[in-house]
Amino acid sequence: MTHALVIVIVALAVGLAILGALYSRDRRRRARTLRSSPKRILFPFIGGALSRRALDAALRLARADEAALVPVFLARVPMRLPLDAPLPRDCSAGMSLLETIEQRAFALGVPVDARIERGRTYRHALREAIAHERYDRLVVAAASARSEGFRGDDIAWLLDQAPGELVIIRPDRDDRLNGSRRTASIHQGGRSAVNRTPQLQHAGLRPVRIA
């Protein structure tokens, strides 16, 4: 073994050790940041793809508020199966999307506390998530022909049932974010408006933002 090869091997070993130490330090830092984040933004989503625009809005809000993002993949369990039955296909898609969310959040320094919630319907799973999770804001994507999200009756139900501030995002034309895509770019387009309705006042909610 030549002297140059020994130097290369030693350099690679030192480099790997440094990378490992930085990775461990970063995981500890993210854990401390998550524990110290008093505010939480709940971001439930469904299906094999999620709204890029809704995720970007949730990340911008979390970054501005110094809040933790709580993405919740809603898994629908058929009535013929027990509620805790394995769902390998759905959970695999959900985990892939949760990983994508974590990558995009990490690029912005936003701590993530990911969840998977089960239910007989998406609304049932959403009800469970709202009941079990502490949050200050709830960000959801409205459904469209090109993006899976919550339909009008589900959003109306949220207006009546969900505490806190509800932020509803209209999807864009090309708005699907697949779990296989690895990117940390943040789309900045779109403006938001604030709607104040008697229904909100009746439900005891703060203003609803519809972007």
N, C-alpha and C. Protein backbone atom coordinates (compact mmCIF):
# COMPACT_ATOMS: atom_id res chain seq x y z
N MET A 1 0.85 -1.19 0.00
CA MET A 1 0.00 0.00 0.00
C MET A 1 0.89 1.25 0.00
N THR A 2 0.68 2.11 -0.97
CA THR A 2 1.53 3.29 -1.09
C THR A 2 1.18 4.33 -0.04
N HIS A 3 2.12 5.25 0.16
CA HIS A 3 1.91 6.32 1.14
C HIS A 3 0.73 7.21 0.75
N ALA A 4 0.57 7.48 -0.53
CA ALA A 4 -0.53 8.33 -0.99
C ALA A 4 -1.88 7.69 -0.73
N LEU A 5 -1.95 6.35 -0.94
CA LEU A 5 -3.21 5.65 -0.70
C LEU A 5 -3.59 5.67 0.78
N VAL A 6 -2.58 5.53 1.65
CA VAL A 6 -2.84 5.61 3.09
C VAL A 6 -3.40 6.97 3.46
N ILE A 7 -2.81 8.01 2.88
CA ILE A 7 -3.29 9.37 3.17
C ILE A 7 -4.74 9.54 2.72
N VAL A 8 -5.08 9.00 1.55
CA VAL A 8 -6.46 9.10 1.03
C VAL A 8 -7.42 8.38 1.96
N ILE A 9 -7.06 7.15 2.40
CA ILE A 9 -7.94 6.38 3.27
C ILE A 9 -8.15 7.10 4.60
N VAL A 10 -7.06 7.63 5.16
CA VAL A 10 -7.17 8.37 6.43
C VAL A 10 -8.06 9.60 6.25
N ALA A 11 -7.87 10.31 5.14
CA ALA A 11 -8.68 11.51 4.89
C ALA A 11 -10.16 11.16 4.77
N LEU A 12 -10.47 10.04 4.07
CA LEU A 12 -11.86 9.62 3.93
C LEU A 12 -12.45 9.24 5.28
N ALA A 13 -11.67 8.54 6.10
CA ALA A 13 -12.17 8.15 7.42
C ALA A 13 -12.46 9.36 8.29
N VAL A 14 -11.53 10.33 8.25
CA VAL A 14 -11.75 11.56 9.03
C VAL A 14 -12.97 12.31 8.52
N GLY A 15 -13.12 12.37 7.19
CA GLY A 15 -14.28 13.06 6.62
C GLY A 15 -15.59 12.41 7.02
N LEU A 16 -15.64 11.07 6.98
CA LEU A 16 -16.85 10.36 7.40
C LEU A 16 -17.15 10.58 8.87
N ALA A 17 -16.10 10.61 9.69
CA ALA A 17 -16.30 10.84 11.12
C ALA A 17 -16.86 12.24 11.36
N ILE A 18 -16.35 13.22 10.62
CA ILE A 18 -16.85 14.59 10.76
C ILE A 18 -18.30 14.68 10.33
N LEU A 19 -18.62 14.05 9.19
CA LEU A 19 -20.02 14.08 8.71
C LEU A 19 -20.96 13.42 9.71
N GLY A 20 -20.51 12.29 10.29
CA GLY A 20 -21.34 11.62 11.29
C GLY A 20 -21.57 12.48 12.51
N ALA A 21 -20.53 13.18 12.95
CA ALA A 21 -20.68 14.05 14.12
C ALA A 21 -21.61 15.21 13.82
N LEU A 22 -21.49 15.79 12.60
CA LEU A 22 -22.37 16.90 12.23
C LEU A 22 -23.82 16.43 12.13
N TYR A 23 -24.03 15.22 11.59
CA TYR A 23 -25.39 14.69 11.47
C TYR A 23 -26.01 14.47 12.85
N SER A 24 -25.22 13.88 13.77
CA SER A 24 -25.73 13.66 15.13
C SER A 24 -26.02 14.99 15.82
N ARG A 25 -25.15 15.97 15.65
CA ARG A 25 -25.37 17.27 16.26
C ARG A 25 -26.62 17.92 15.70
N ASP A 26 -26.82 17.77 14.37
CA ASP A 26 -27.99 18.38 13.75
C ASP A 26 -29.27 17.73 14.26
N ARG A 27 -29.27 16.39 14.43
CA ARG A 27 -30.46 15.72 14.95
C ARG A 27 -30.77 16.17 16.37
N ARG A 28 -29.72 16.36 17.19
CA ARG A 28 -29.94 16.84 18.55
C ARG A 28 -30.47 18.27 18.55
N ARG A 29 -29.93 19.09 17.63
CA ARG A 29 -30.39 20.48 17.55
C ARG A 29 -31.85 20.55 17.13
N ARG A 30 -32.22 19.72 16.14
CA ARG A 30 -33.61 19.71 15.70
C ARG A 30 -34.54 19.22 16.80
N ALA A 31 -34.09 18.25 17.58
CA ALA A 31 -34.91 17.75 18.70
C ALA A 31 -35.10 18.84 19.75
N ARG A 32 -34.03 19.58 20.05
CA ARG A 32 -34.15 20.67 21.02
C ARG A 32 -35.07 21.77 20.50
N THR A 33 -34.95 22.08 19.19
CA THR A 33 -35.80 23.12 18.59
C THR A 33 -37.26 22.71 18.64
N LEU A 34 -37.52 21.42 18.38
CA LEU A 34 -38.89 20.93 18.41
C LEU A 34 -39.49 21.04 19.80
N ARG A 35 -38.68 20.67 20.83
CA ARG A 35 -39.18 20.75 22.20
C ARG A 35 -39.40 22.20 22.63
N SER A 36 -38.60 23.13 22.08
CA SER A 36 -38.70 24.52 22.51
C SER A 36 -39.68 25.34 21.69
N SER A 37 -40.33 24.72 20.68
CA SER A 37 -41.28 25.46 19.84
C SER A 37 -42.65 25.48 20.52
N PRO A 38 -43.07 26.63 21.05
CA PRO A 38 -44.36 26.66 21.74
C PRO A 38 -45.54 26.60 20.79
N LYS A 39 -45.35 27.02 19.54
CA LYS A 39 -46.44 27.06 18.58
C LYS A 39 -46.34 25.86 17.64
N ARG A 40 -47.52 25.42 17.20
CA ARG A 40 -47.60 24.25 16.32
C ARG A 40 -48.62 24.52 15.22
N ILE A 41 -48.24 24.15 13.99
CA ILE A 41 -49.13 24.30 12.84
C ILE A 41 -49.47 22.90 12.34
N LEU A 42 -50.75 22.56 12.40
CA LEU A 42 -51.22 21.25 11.97
C LEU A 42 -51.46 21.27 10.46
N PHE A 43 -50.89 20.28 9.78
CA PHE A 43 -51.00 20.22 8.31
C PHE A 43 -51.44 18.82 7.89
N PRO A 44 -52.75 18.54 7.91
CA PRO A 44 -53.24 17.23 7.47
C PRO A 44 -53.31 17.15 5.95
N PHE A 45 -53.02 15.97 5.41
CA PHE A 45 -53.11 15.78 3.96
C PHE A 45 -53.51 14.35 3.67
N ILE A 46 -53.98 14.13 2.45
CA ILE A 46 -54.50 12.81 2.06
C ILE A 46 -53.94 12.43 0.71
N GLY A 47 -54.09 11.14 0.36
CA GLY A 47 -53.79 10.69 -0.98
C GLY A 47 -52.32 10.43 -1.23
N GLY A 48 -52.02 10.06 -2.49
CA GLY A 48 -50.66 9.73 -2.89
C GLY A 48 -49.82 10.93 -3.24
N ALA A 49 -50.39 12.11 -3.22
CA ALA A 49 -49.65 13.34 -3.50
C ALA A 49 -50.31 14.45 -2.71
N LEU A 50 -49.54 15.49 -2.43
CA LEU A 50 -50.11 16.59 -1.66
C LEU A 50 -49.91 17.90 -2.41
N SER A 51 -50.56 18.93 -1.95
CA SER A 51 -50.51 20.23 -2.60
C SER A 51 -49.19 20.93 -2.26
N ARG A 52 -48.41 21.21 -3.29
CA ARG A 52 -47.15 21.94 -3.09
C ARG A 52 -47.43 23.33 -2.52
N ARG A 53 -48.47 23.97 -3.03
CA ARG A 53 -48.77 25.33 -2.60
C ARG A 53 -49.20 25.36 -1.13
N ALA A 54 -50.00 24.38 -0.72
CA ALA A 54 -50.43 24.33 0.67
C ALA A 54 -49.25 24.06 1.60
N LEU A 55 -48.37 23.15 1.20
CA LEU A 55 -47.19 22.88 2.02
C LEU A 55 -46.30 24.10 2.14
N ASP A 56 -46.08 24.79 1.04
CA ASP A 56 -45.24 26.00 1.08
C ASP A 56 -45.86 27.06 1.99
N ALA A 57 -47.19 27.18 1.95
CA ALA A 57 -47.86 28.15 2.83
C ALA A 57 -47.68 27.75 4.29
N ALA A 58 -47.83 26.46 4.59
CA ALA A 58 -47.65 26.00 5.97
C ALA A 58 -46.22 26.22 6.45
N LEU A 59 -45.25 26.00 5.57
CA LEU A 59 -43.85 26.21 5.95
C LEU A 59 -43.55 27.69 6.15
N ARG A 60 -44.11 28.55 5.32
CA ARG A 60 -43.88 29.99 5.49
C ARG A 60 -44.47 30.47 6.82
N LEU A 61 -45.66 29.99 7.15
CA LEU A 61 -46.28 30.36 8.42
C LEU A 61 -45.47 29.84 9.60
N ALA A 62 -45.01 28.59 9.50
CA ALA A 62 -44.21 28.02 10.58
C ALA A 62 -42.91 28.78 10.77
N ARG A 63 -42.30 29.16 9.67
CA ARG A 63 -41.04 29.90 9.77
C ARG A 63 -41.26 31.29 10.36
N ALA A 64 -42.33 31.96 9.92
CA ALA A 64 -42.61 33.30 10.42
C ALA A 64 -42.98 33.28 11.90
N ASP A 65 -43.69 32.25 12.34
CA ASP A 65 -44.14 32.15 13.73
C ASP A 65 -43.15 31.42 14.62
N GLU A 66 -42.04 30.93 14.03
CA GLU A 66 -41.10 30.10 14.77
C GLU A 66 -41.83 28.91 15.41
N ALA A 67 -42.67 28.29 14.59
CA ALA A 67 -43.53 27.20 15.07
C ALA A 67 -43.04 25.87 14.49
N ALA A 68 -43.45 24.79 15.12
CA ALA A 68 -43.20 23.45 14.60
C ALA A 68 -44.32 23.08 13.63
N LEU A 69 -43.95 22.43 12.54
CA LEU A 69 -44.93 21.93 11.58
C LEU A 69 -45.30 20.50 11.97
N VAL A 70 -46.61 20.23 12.03
CA VAL A 70 -47.11 18.90 12.38
C VAL A 70 -47.86 18.34 11.18
N PRO A 71 -47.14 17.72 10.23
CA PRO A 71 -47.84 17.11 9.09
C PRO A 71 -48.49 15.80 9.52
N VAL A 72 -49.74 15.61 9.12
CA VAL A 72 -50.49 14.41 9.50
C VAL A 72 -51.02 13.75 8.23
N PHE A 73 -50.51 12.56 7.94
CA PHE A 73 -51.04 11.79 6.82
C PHE A 73 -52.29 11.06 7.28
N LEU A 74 -53.41 11.30 6.59
CA LEU A 74 -54.68 10.69 6.96
C LEU A 74 -54.87 9.40 6.15
N ALA A 75 -54.92 8.29 6.86
CA ALA A 75 -55.07 6.98 6.21
C ALA A 75 -56.50 6.47 6.41
N ARG A 76 -57.13 6.10 5.31
CA ARG A 76 -58.51 5.59 5.37
C ARG A 76 -58.50 4.07 5.45
N VAL A 77 -59.14 3.52 6.50
CA VAL A 77 -59.18 2.07 6.72
C VAL A 77 -60.56 1.55 6.33
N PRO A 78 -60.65 0.61 5.39
CA PRO A 78 -61.96 0.07 4.98
C PRO A 78 -62.69 -0.57 6.16
N MET A 79 -64.02 -0.58 6.08
CA MET A 79 -64.84 -1.12 7.16
C MET A 79 -64.61 -2.61 7.36
N ARG A 80 -64.17 -3.32 6.33
CA ARG A 80 -63.97 -4.77 6.46
C ARG A 80 -62.72 -5.11 7.28
N LEU A 81 -61.87 -4.10 7.55
CA LEU A 81 -60.63 -4.32 8.28
C LEU A 81 -60.70 -3.68 9.66
N PRO A 82 -59.98 -4.24 10.63
CA PRO A 82 -59.87 -3.56 11.93
C PRO A 82 -59.20 -2.20 11.76
N LEU A 83 -59.51 -1.29 12.64
CA LEU A 83 -58.99 0.07 12.49
C LEU A 83 -57.47 0.11 12.59
N ASP A 84 -56.88 -0.86 13.31
CA ASP A 84 -55.42 -0.88 13.44
C ASP A 84 -54.76 -1.86 12.47
N ALA A 85 -55.48 -2.27 11.42
CA ALA A 85 -54.93 -3.22 10.46
C ALA A 85 -53.78 -2.59 9.67
N PRO A 86 -52.78 -3.40 9.28
CA PRO A 86 -51.67 -2.86 8.46
C PRO A 86 -52.18 -2.37 7.12
N LEU A 87 -51.65 -1.24 6.68
CA LEU A 87 -51.99 -0.67 5.38
C LEU A 87 -50.67 -0.36 4.65
N PRO A 88 -49.99 -1.39 4.17
CA PRO A 88 -48.63 -1.17 3.65
C PRO A 88 -48.57 -0.20 2.49
N ARG A 89 -49.52 -0.29 1.55
CA ARG A 89 -49.45 0.58 0.38
C ARG A 89 -49.70 2.04 0.77
N ASP A 90 -50.77 2.29 1.53
CA ASP A 90 -51.09 3.66 1.93
C ASP A 90 -50.01 4.24 2.82
N CYS A 91 -49.55 3.46 3.79
CA CYS A 91 -48.55 3.97 4.72
C CYS A 91 -47.21 4.21 4.03
N SER A 92 -46.90 3.40 3.03
CA SER A 92 -45.67 3.61 2.27
C SER A 92 -45.72 4.94 1.53
N ALA A 93 -46.86 5.22 0.89
CA ALA A 93 -47.02 6.50 0.21
C ALA A 93 -46.98 7.65 1.20
N GLY A 94 -47.65 7.46 2.35
CA GLY A 94 -47.65 8.52 3.36
C GLY A 94 -46.28 8.79 3.93
N MET A 95 -45.49 7.74 4.20
CA MET A 95 -44.16 7.92 4.73
C MET A 95 -43.25 8.62 3.73
N SER A 96 -43.43 8.30 2.45
CA SER A 96 -42.64 8.97 1.42
C SER A 96 -42.93 10.47 1.38
N LEU A 97 -44.21 10.82 1.50
CA LEU A 97 -44.58 12.23 1.50
C LEU A 97 -44.11 12.93 2.77
N LEU A 98 -44.20 12.24 3.90
CA LEU A 98 -43.71 12.82 5.15
C LEU A 98 -42.21 13.08 5.09
N GLU A 99 -41.48 12.18 4.43
CA GLU A 99 -40.04 12.39 4.25
C GLU A 99 -39.77 13.61 3.39
N THR A 100 -40.57 13.77 2.33
CA THR A 100 -40.41 14.95 1.47
C THR A 100 -40.69 16.23 2.24
N ILE A 101 -41.73 16.20 3.07
CA ILE A 101 -42.05 17.37 3.89
C ILE A 101 -40.90 17.69 4.83
N GLU A 102 -40.32 16.66 5.46
CA GLU A 102 -39.20 16.88 6.37
C GLU A 102 -38.02 17.52 5.66
N GLN A 103 -37.73 17.07 4.43
CA GLN A 103 -36.61 17.62 3.69
C GLN A 103 -36.83 19.10 3.38
N ARG A 104 -38.03 19.44 2.95
CA ARG A 104 -38.31 20.84 2.62
C ARG A 104 -38.31 21.71 3.87
N ALA A 105 -38.82 21.15 4.98
CA ALA A 105 -38.83 21.91 6.23
C ALA A 105 -37.41 22.10 6.75
N PHE A 106 -36.57 21.07 6.63
CA PHE A 106 -35.19 21.17 7.10
C PHE A 106 -34.43 22.27 6.37
N ALA A 107 -34.71 22.43 5.07
CA ALA A 107 -34.04 23.47 4.30
C ALA A 107 -34.37 24.87 4.82
N LEU A 108 -35.52 25.00 5.50
CA LEU A 108 -35.93 26.30 6.03
C LEU A 108 -35.70 26.41 7.54
N GLY A 109 -35.18 25.36 8.14
CA GLY A 109 -34.96 25.39 9.58
C GLY A 109 -36.24 25.26 10.39
N VAL A 110 -37.26 24.61 9.82
CA VAL A 110 -38.54 24.43 10.50
C VAL A 110 -38.58 23.04 11.13
N PRO A 111 -38.76 22.91 12.43
CA PRO A 111 -38.86 21.59 13.06
C PRO A 111 -40.16 20.89 12.66
N VAL A 112 -40.10 19.56 12.57
CA VAL A 112 -41.23 18.76 12.10
C VAL A 112 -41.55 17.69 13.13
N ASP A 113 -42.84 17.51 13.39
CA ASP A 113 -43.32 16.45 14.28
C ASP A 113 -44.40 15.68 13.51
N ALA A 114 -43.99 14.68 12.72
CA ALA A 114 -44.88 14.02 11.77
C ALA A 114 -45.78 13.00 12.45
N ARG A 115 -46.94 12.77 11.84
CA ARG A 115 -47.94 11.85 12.37
C ARG A 115 -48.61 11.09 11.23
N ILE A 116 -49.18 9.93 11.57
CA ILE A 116 -50.12 9.21 10.71
C ILE A 116 -51.37 8.96 11.53
N GLU A 117 -52.53 9.38 11.00
CA GLU A 117 -53.80 9.22 11.71
C GLU A 117 -54.73 8.36 10.87
N ARG A 118 -55.39 7.39 11.53
CA ARG A 118 -56.29 6.47 10.83
C ARG A 118 -57.75 6.83 11.08
N GLY A 119 -58.59 6.42 10.12
CA GLY A 119 -60.01 6.63 10.28
C GLY A 119 -60.78 5.86 9.22
N ARG A 120 -62.08 5.68 9.45
CA ARG A 120 -62.91 4.99 8.47
C ARG A 120 -63.11 5.86 7.23
N THR A 121 -63.11 7.14 7.43
CA THR A 121 -63.16 8.11 6.33
C THR A 121 -62.08 9.15 6.60
N TYR A 122 -61.81 9.97 5.60
CA TYR A 122 -60.83 11.04 5.81
C TYR A 122 -61.31 12.01 6.89
N ARG A 123 -62.61 12.25 6.93
CA ARG A 123 -63.12 13.16 7.96
C ARG A 123 -62.97 12.55 9.35
N HIS A 124 -63.21 11.23 9.44
CA HIS A 124 -63.02 10.55 10.71
C HIS A 124 -61.56 10.67 11.17
N ALA A 125 -60.61 10.43 10.25
CA ALA A 125 -59.19 10.56 10.60
C ALA A 125 -58.85 12.00 10.96
N LEU A 126 -59.44 12.95 10.25
CA LEU A 126 -59.20 14.36 10.54
C LEU A 126 -59.76 14.72 11.92
N ARG A 127 -60.93 14.19 12.25
CA ARG A 127 -61.50 14.43 13.58
C ARG A 127 -60.57 13.90 14.68
N GLU A 128 -60.00 12.72 14.45
CA GLU A 128 -59.07 12.15 15.42
C GLU A 128 -57.82 13.01 15.57
N ALA A 129 -57.31 13.51 14.46
CA ALA A 129 -56.12 14.35 14.51
C ALA A 129 -56.38 15.63 15.28
N ILE A 130 -57.53 16.26 15.04
CA ILE A 130 -57.87 17.49 15.74
C ILE A 130 -58.04 17.23 17.23
N ALA A 131 -58.61 16.07 17.56
CA ALA A 131 -58.86 15.76 18.96
C ALA A 131 -57.57 15.44 19.72
N HIS A 132 -56.60 14.84 19.04
CA HIS A 132 -55.40 14.35 19.72
C HIS A 132 -54.23 15.34 19.72
N GLU A 133 -54.20 16.25 18.75
CA GLU A 133 -53.04 17.11 18.58
C GLU A 133 -53.28 18.51 19.13
N ARG A 134 -52.24 19.06 19.73
CA ARG A 134 -52.27 20.47 20.13
C ARG A 134 -51.73 21.31 18.98
N TYR A 135 -52.45 22.36 18.59
CA TYR A 135 -52.00 23.20 17.49
C TYR A 135 -52.59 24.60 17.64
N ASP A 136 -51.97 25.55 16.95
CA ASP A 136 -52.44 26.93 16.95
C ASP A 136 -53.10 27.30 15.63
N ARG A 137 -52.61 26.71 14.54
CA ARG A 137 -53.19 26.93 13.22
C ARG A 137 -53.36 25.60 12.52
N LEU A 138 -54.36 25.58 11.64
CA LEU A 138 -54.65 24.39 10.85
C LEU A 138 -54.62 24.80 9.38
N VAL A 139 -53.72 24.19 8.60
CA VAL A 139 -53.57 24.52 7.18
C VAL A 139 -54.03 23.32 6.37
N VAL A 140 -55.00 23.53 5.46
CA VAL A 140 -55.51 22.45 4.62
C VAL A 140 -55.56 22.90 3.17
N ALA A 141 -55.44 21.94 2.26
CA ALA A 141 -55.55 22.20 0.83
C ALA A 141 -56.94 21.84 0.35
N ALA A 142 -57.56 22.74 -0.39
CA ALA A 142 -58.85 22.42 -1.00
C ALA A 142 -58.64 21.48 -2.18
N ALA A 143 -59.62 20.66 -2.47
CA ALA A 143 -59.52 19.69 -3.56
C ALA A 143 -59.67 20.38 -4.90
N SER A 144 -59.05 19.79 -5.91
CA SER A 144 -59.20 20.26 -7.29
C SER A 144 -59.08 19.06 -8.21
N ALA A 145 -59.25 19.29 -9.50
CA ALA A 145 -59.17 18.19 -10.46
C ALA A 145 -57.76 17.62 -10.53
N ARG A 146 -56.74 18.43 -10.22
CA ARG A 146 -55.36 17.99 -10.36
C ARG A 146 -54.66 17.78 -9.02
N SER A 147 -55.34 18.02 -7.94
CA SER A 147 -54.70 17.89 -6.64
C SER A 147 -55.70 17.34 -5.64
N GLU A 148 -55.28 16.33 -4.88
CA GLU A 148 -56.14 15.78 -3.85
C GLU A 148 -56.14 16.69 -2.63
N GLY A 149 -57.31 16.86 -2.07
CA GLY A 149 -57.43 17.70 -0.90
C GLY A 149 -58.82 17.56 -0.30
N PHE A 150 -59.21 18.54 0.49
CA PHE A 150 -60.47 18.47 1.21
C PHE A 150 -61.56 19.19 0.40
N ARG A 151 -62.69 18.52 0.28
CA ARG A 151 -63.79 19.07 -0.51
C ARG A 151 -64.63 20.02 0.33
N GLY A 152 -65.58 20.65 -0.35
CA GLY A 152 -66.33 21.72 0.29
C GLY A 152 -67.05 21.31 1.56
N ASP A 153 -67.63 20.09 1.57
CA ASP A 153 -68.35 19.66 2.76
C ASP A 153 -67.40 19.41 3.93
N ASP A 154 -66.18 18.93 3.63
CA ASP A 154 -65.20 18.74 4.70
C ASP A 154 -64.72 20.09 5.26
N ILE A 155 -64.54 21.05 4.37
CA ILE A 155 -64.10 22.38 4.82
C ILE A 155 -65.20 23.04 5.65
N ALA A 156 -66.46 22.89 5.22
CA ALA A 156 -67.57 23.43 6.01
C ALA A 156 -67.61 22.76 7.40
N TRP A 157 -67.33 21.46 7.45
CA TRP A 157 -67.28 20.76 8.73
C TRP A 157 -66.16 21.31 9.60
N LEU A 158 -65.00 21.59 9.00
CA LEU A 158 -63.89 22.17 9.75
C LEU A 158 -64.25 23.53 10.33
N LEU A 159 -64.98 24.33 9.58
CA LEU A 159 -65.38 25.64 10.07
C LEU A 159 -66.21 25.54 11.34
N ASP A 160 -67.01 24.48 11.42
CA ASP A 160 -67.86 24.30 12.60
C ASP A 160 -67.14 23.61 13.76
N GLN A 161 -66.17 22.74 13.43
CA GLN A 161 -65.62 21.85 14.46
C GLN A 161 -64.19 22.17 14.90
N ALA A 162 -63.39 22.74 14.04
CA ALA A 162 -61.96 22.89 14.35
C ALA A 162 -61.70 24.19 15.11
N PRO A 163 -61.05 24.11 16.27
CA PRO A 163 -60.69 25.34 16.98
C PRO A 163 -59.47 26.00 16.35
N GLY A 164 -59.21 27.23 16.73
CA GLY A 164 -58.03 27.93 16.24
C GLY A 164 -58.26 28.54 14.87
N GLU A 165 -57.17 28.95 14.24
CA GLU A 165 -57.22 29.60 12.93
C GLU A 165 -57.14 28.55 11.83
N LEU A 166 -58.04 28.65 10.88
CA LEU A 166 -58.08 27.72 9.75
C LEU A 166 -57.62 28.43 8.50
N VAL A 167 -56.60 27.89 7.85
CA VAL A 167 -56.05 28.46 6.62
C VAL A 167 -56.34 27.48 5.49
N ILE A 168 -57.11 27.94 4.50
CA ILE A 168 -57.51 27.10 3.37
C ILE A 168 -56.76 27.58 2.14
N ILE A 169 -56.07 26.66 1.47
CA ILE A 169 -55.25 27.01 0.32
C ILE A 169 -55.89 26.46 -0.95
N ARG A 170 -56.09 27.34 -1.92
CA ARG A 170 -56.54 26.88 -3.23
C ARG A 170 -55.35 26.28 -3.98
N PRO A 171 -55.49 25.10 -4.56
CA PRO A 171 -54.38 24.51 -5.31
C PRO A 171 -54.13 25.24 -6.62
N ASP A 172 -52.90 25.14 -7.11
CA ASP A 172 -52.52 25.72 -8.39
C ASP A 172 -52.77 24.69 -9.48
N ARG A 173 -52.49 25.07 -10.72
CA ARG A 173 -52.74 24.15 -11.83
C ARG A 173 -51.87 22.90 -11.74
N ASP A 174 -50.56 23.11 -11.57
CA ASP A 174 -49.64 21.98 -11.44
C ASP A 174 -49.16 21.96 -10.00
N ASP A 175 -49.94 21.33 -9.14
CA ASP A 175 -49.76 21.52 -7.71
C ASP A 175 -49.41 20.23 -6.97
N ARG A 176 -49.29 19.12 -7.67
CA ARG A 176 -49.06 17.84 -6.99
C ARG A 176 -47.59 17.70 -6.64
N LEU A 177 -47.34 17.38 -5.39
CA LEU A 177 -45.98 17.13 -4.91
C LEU A 177 -45.87 15.66 -4.56
N ASN A 178 -45.13 14.90 -5.35
CA ASN A 178 -45.00 13.47 -5.11
C ASN A 178 -43.86 13.20 -4.14
N GLY A 179 -44.00 12.11 -3.40
CA GLY A 179 -42.99 11.77 -2.42
C GLY A 179 -41.65 11.44 -3.02
N SER A 180 -41.63 11.03 -4.28
CA SER A 180 -40.36 10.64 -4.90
C SER A 180 -39.53 11.84 -5.32
N ARG A 181 -40.13 13.03 -5.33
CA ARG A 181 -39.39 14.21 -5.75
C ARG A 181 -38.61 14.75 -4.58
N ARG A 182 -37.32 15.01 -4.76
CA ARG A 182 -36.44 15.49 -3.70
C ARG A 182 -36.06 16.92 -4.05
N THR A 183 -36.74 17.86 -3.48
CA THR A 183 -36.43 19.25 -3.75
C THR A 183 -36.71 20.08 -2.53
N ALA A 184 -35.95 21.18 -2.39
CA ALA A 184 -36.14 22.05 -1.24
C ALA A 184 -36.50 23.45 -1.68
N SER A 185 -36.86 23.64 -2.96
CA SER A 185 -37.23 24.97 -3.42
C SER A 185 -38.61 25.32 -2.90
N ILE A 186 -38.81 26.58 -2.56
CA ILE A 186 -40.07 27.03 -1.99
C ILE A 186 -40.75 27.97 -2.96
N HIS A 187 -41.96 27.59 -3.37
CA HIS A 187 -42.75 28.40 -4.28
C HIS A 187 -43.34 29.58 -3.52
N GLN A 188 -43.14 30.78 -4.03
CA GLN A 188 -43.57 31.98 -3.32
C GLN A 188 -44.81 32.63 -3.93
N GLY A 189 -45.42 32.01 -4.91
CA GLY A 189 -46.53 32.66 -5.58
C GLY A 189 -47.80 32.62 -4.78
N GLY A 190 -48.74 33.48 -5.19
CA GLY A 190 -50.06 33.45 -4.58
C GLY A 190 -50.23 34.49 -3.51
N ARG A 191 -51.44 35.11 -3.49
CA ARG A 191 -51.78 36.05 -2.43
C ARG A 191 -52.89 35.47 -1.59
N SER A 192 -53.07 35.99 -0.41
CA SER A 192 -54.10 35.47 0.47
C SER A 192 -55.07 36.58 0.85
N ALA A 193 -56.28 36.17 1.15
CA ALA A 193 -57.29 37.11 1.60
C ALA A 193 -57.89 36.57 2.88
N VAL A 194 -58.50 37.44 3.65
CA VAL A 194 -59.10 37.04 4.92
C VAL A 194 -60.60 37.17 4.81
N ASN A 195 -61.31 36.10 5.07
CA ASN A 195 -62.77 36.09 5.04
C ASN A 195 -63.29 36.04 6.46
N ARG A 196 -64.17 36.95 6.82
CA ARG A 196 -64.81 36.93 8.12
C ARG A 196 -66.30 36.68 7.89
N THR A 197 -66.83 35.62 8.48
CA THR A 197 -68.22 35.24 8.25
C THR A 197 -68.91 35.02 9.58
N PRO A 198 -70.25 35.16 9.61
CA PRO A 198 -70.98 34.84 10.84
C PRO A 198 -70.76 33.41 11.28
N GLN A 199 -70.53 32.51 10.32
CA GLN A 199 -70.31 31.11 10.68
C GLN A 199 -69.05 30.96 11.52
N LEU A 200 -68.02 31.74 11.19
CA LEU A 200 -66.79 31.70 11.97
C LEU A 200 -67.03 32.21 13.38
N GLN A 201 -67.75 33.32 13.48
CA GLN A 201 -68.01 33.88 14.80
C GLN A 201 -68.82 32.91 15.64
N HIS A 202 -69.76 32.22 14.99
CA HIS A 202 -70.59 31.25 15.72
C HIS A 202 -69.74 30.09 16.23
N ALA A 203 -68.72 29.67 15.42
CA ALA A 203 -67.88 28.55 15.81
C ALA A 203 -66.77 28.96 16.76
N GLY A 204 -66.61 30.25 17.02
CA GLY A 204 -65.57 30.71 17.92
C GLY A 204 -64.19 30.65 17.32
N LEU A 205 -64.11 30.77 15.97
CA LEU A 205 -62.83 30.67 15.29
C LEU A 205 -62.29 32.04 14.96
N ARG A 206 -60.98 32.08 14.76
CA ARG A 206 -60.36 33.29 14.26
C ARG A 206 -60.51 33.33 12.75
N PRO A 207 -60.08 34.43 12.06
CA PRO A 207 -60.33 34.56 10.62
C PRO A 207 -59.78 33.37 9.82
N VAL A 208 -60.48 33.06 8.75
CA VAL A 208 -60.05 32.02 7.82
C VAL A 208 -59.34 32.68 6.65
N ARG A 209 -58.14 32.23 6.35
CA ARG A 209 -57.42 32.73 5.21
C ARG A 209 -57.60 31.78 4.04
N ILE A 210 -58.02 32.29 2.94
CA ILE A 210 -58.18 31.47 1.73
C ILE A 210 -57.23 32.02 0.69
N ALA A 211 -56.22 31.23 0.33
CA ALA A 211 -55.21 31.71 -0.61
C ALA A 211 -55.49 31.16 -2.00
